[in-house]
Amino acid sequence: MKNKSAITCVFLDIGGVLLTDGWAHQARRRAAAHFKLEWVEMEERHRLTFETYEEGKLAFEEYLGRVVFYQPRPFTRAAFRRFMFAQSKPYPEMIALFLSA
């Protein structure tokens, strides 16, 4: 019988695993409506920028600068960040599973 090895390391993606995918299509649409942004333009800018951000080649503030704050806005970066972060909701069952490993 083969001995089972103890798990020593777990790699996972937080968004979509422990938390909802907080910046998915629907969340971006809500942000565009909430902040009165042009949806099509914002989505195209996101599409052109997000992969570079996900690969770690672009800082979060640079992402925001390219997608939202490329022109003056009547709201702050802090307000937009708060809205973005509020879109992520926990998956309690997955968090419990992760903590029990």
Protein backbone atom coordinates (compact mmCIF):
# COMPACT_ATOMS: atom_id res chain seq x y z
CA MET A 1 0.00 0.00 0.00
CA LYS A 2 1.30 3.41 -0.96
CA ASN A 3 1.75 6.01 1.80
CA LYS A 4 -0.28 9.17 1.41
CA SER A 5 1.73 12.39 1.47
CA ALA A 6 0.55 15.30 3.53
CA ILE A 7 -0.45 18.36 1.59
CA THR A 8 2.22 20.97 2.19
CA CYS A 9 1.13 23.70 -0.20
CA VAL A 10 -2.09 24.78 -1.89
CA PHE A 11 -2.19 27.27 -4.77
CA LEU A 12 -5.50 28.83 -5.68
CA ASP A 13 -7.02 31.85 -7.28
CA ILE A 14 -8.92 33.96 -4.76
CA GLY A 15 -11.43 35.43 -7.25
CA GLY A 16 -13.84 32.75 -8.40
CA VAL A 17 -12.62 30.28 -5.75
CA LEU A 18 -12.74 31.81 -2.24
CA LEU A 19 -14.60 34.90 -3.43
CA THR A 20 -16.90 35.56 -6.34
CA ASP A 21 -15.23 36.85 -9.48
CA GLY A 22 -15.74 40.41 -8.30
CA TRP A 23 -14.75 42.21 -11.48
CA ALA A 24 -16.60 40.03 -13.96
CA HIS A 25 -18.74 41.34 -16.81
CA GLN A 26 -21.80 41.99 -14.63
CA ALA A 27 -19.80 43.91 -12.01
CA ARG A 28 -18.21 46.10 -14.67
CA ARG A 29 -21.65 46.81 -16.11
CA ARG A 30 -22.90 47.80 -12.63
CA ALA A 31 -19.89 50.08 -12.20
CA ALA A 32 -20.51 51.74 -15.56
CA ALA A 33 -24.14 52.38 -14.63
CA HIS A 34 -23.35 53.54 -11.09
CA PHE A 35 -20.63 55.98 -12.18
CA LYS A 36 -22.37 56.95 -15.45
CA LEU A 37 -19.54 55.68 -17.64
CA GLU A 38 -19.87 54.78 -21.31
CA TRP A 39 -20.23 50.97 -21.06
CA VAL A 40 -18.95 50.02 -24.52
CA GLU A 41 -15.86 52.21 -24.23
CA MET A 42 -15.09 51.01 -20.70
CA GLU A 43 -15.49 47.38 -21.70
CA GLU A 44 -13.20 47.79 -24.71
CA ARG A 45 -10.56 49.47 -22.57
CA HIS A 46 -10.89 46.65 -20.03
CA ARG A 47 -10.54 44.04 -22.77
CA LEU A 48 -7.37 45.68 -24.07
CA THR A 49 -5.81 46.07 -20.61
CA PHE A 50 -6.95 43.33 -18.24
CA GLU A 51 -4.73 40.50 -19.44
CA THR A 52 -1.63 42.62 -18.93
CA TYR A 53 -2.85 43.47 -15.42
CA GLU A 54 -3.63 39.80 -14.63
CA GLU A 55 -0.13 38.80 -15.72
CA GLY A 56 1.31 41.24 -13.19
CA LYS A 57 2.77 43.51 -15.85
CA LEU A 58 0.56 46.44 -14.89
CA ALA A 59 -0.21 47.84 -11.43
CA PHE A 60 -3.81 48.16 -10.27
CA GLU A 61 -3.65 51.96 -10.33
CA GLU A 62 -2.34 51.83 -13.91
CA TYR A 63 -5.24 49.55 -14.85
CA LEU A 64 -7.68 52.09 -13.39
CA GLY A 65 -5.90 54.89 -15.21
CA ARG A 66 -6.26 53.16 -18.55
CA VAL A 67 -9.82 51.90 -18.12
CA VAL A 68 -11.56 54.62 -16.10
CA PHE A 69 -9.35 57.58 -15.21
CA TYR A 70 -7.89 58.39 -18.63
CA GLN A 71 -9.92 61.60 -18.40
CA PRO A 72 -11.19 63.69 -15.46
CA ARG A 73 -14.09 62.13 -13.55
CA PRO A 74 -16.58 63.61 -11.05
CA PHE A 75 -15.68 60.81 -8.59
CA THR A 76 -12.46 59.75 -6.94
CA ARG A 77 -10.30 56.71 -7.50
CA ALA A 78 -11.00 55.78 -3.88
CA ALA A 79 -14.77 55.79 -4.50
CA PHE A 80 -14.34 53.65 -7.60
CA ARG A 81 -12.02 51.20 -5.79
CA ARG A 82 -14.52 50.86 -2.92
CA PHE A 83 -17.26 50.05 -5.42
CA MET A 84 -15.04 47.51 -7.22
CA PHE A 85 -13.98 45.76 -4.02
CA ALA A 86 -17.57 45.60 -2.77
CA GLN A 87 -18.47 43.45 -5.78
CA SER A 88 -16.55 40.46 -4.36
CA LYS A 89 -18.58 38.26 -2.05
CA PRO A 90 -17.24 35.29 -0.06
CA TYR A 91 -17.98 31.63 -0.82
CA PRO A 92 -18.23 30.46 2.82
CA GLU A 93 -18.17 26.77 1.88
CA MET A 94 -14.95 27.13 -0.09
CA ILE A 95 -13.31 29.19 2.62
CA ALA A 96 -14.22 26.50 5.17
CA LEU A 97 -12.85 23.79 2.87
CA PHE A 98 -9.61 25.70 2.38
CA LEU A 99 -9.18 26.32 6.10
CA SER A 100 -9.79 22.66 6.90
CA ALA A 101 -7.05 21.46 4.51
